[in-house]
């Protein structure tokens, strides 16, 4: 991720865990997320994902604030699946950084 997006992105995700009273899970997820973080950074190199991340985060916050849990869940699911859906494209464009990467 561009350096100017990493900090707010991580803060957004952490706040979601804190709001769900699952901050310990946040710390565990961060300790296990090396390969996913690498994928996310590579995905940003081949798309205009940074602007989409910020727009999606805003939509999630607005949905939560407005009590629209269905829309919030939809946007969260879209965010979670976006990079993984592009895995083969990322792997093709950047084979070396992903050598040995296993996503189950």
Foldseek 3Di string as FASTA:
>chain_A
DPPVQVVVLLVLVCVVCVVVVNNVVSVVCVVVCPVVVVLVVLVVVVDVVSVVSVVLSVQLVVCVVVVNVVSNVVSVVCVVCVSVVCVVVSCVVCVVVCVPPDDD
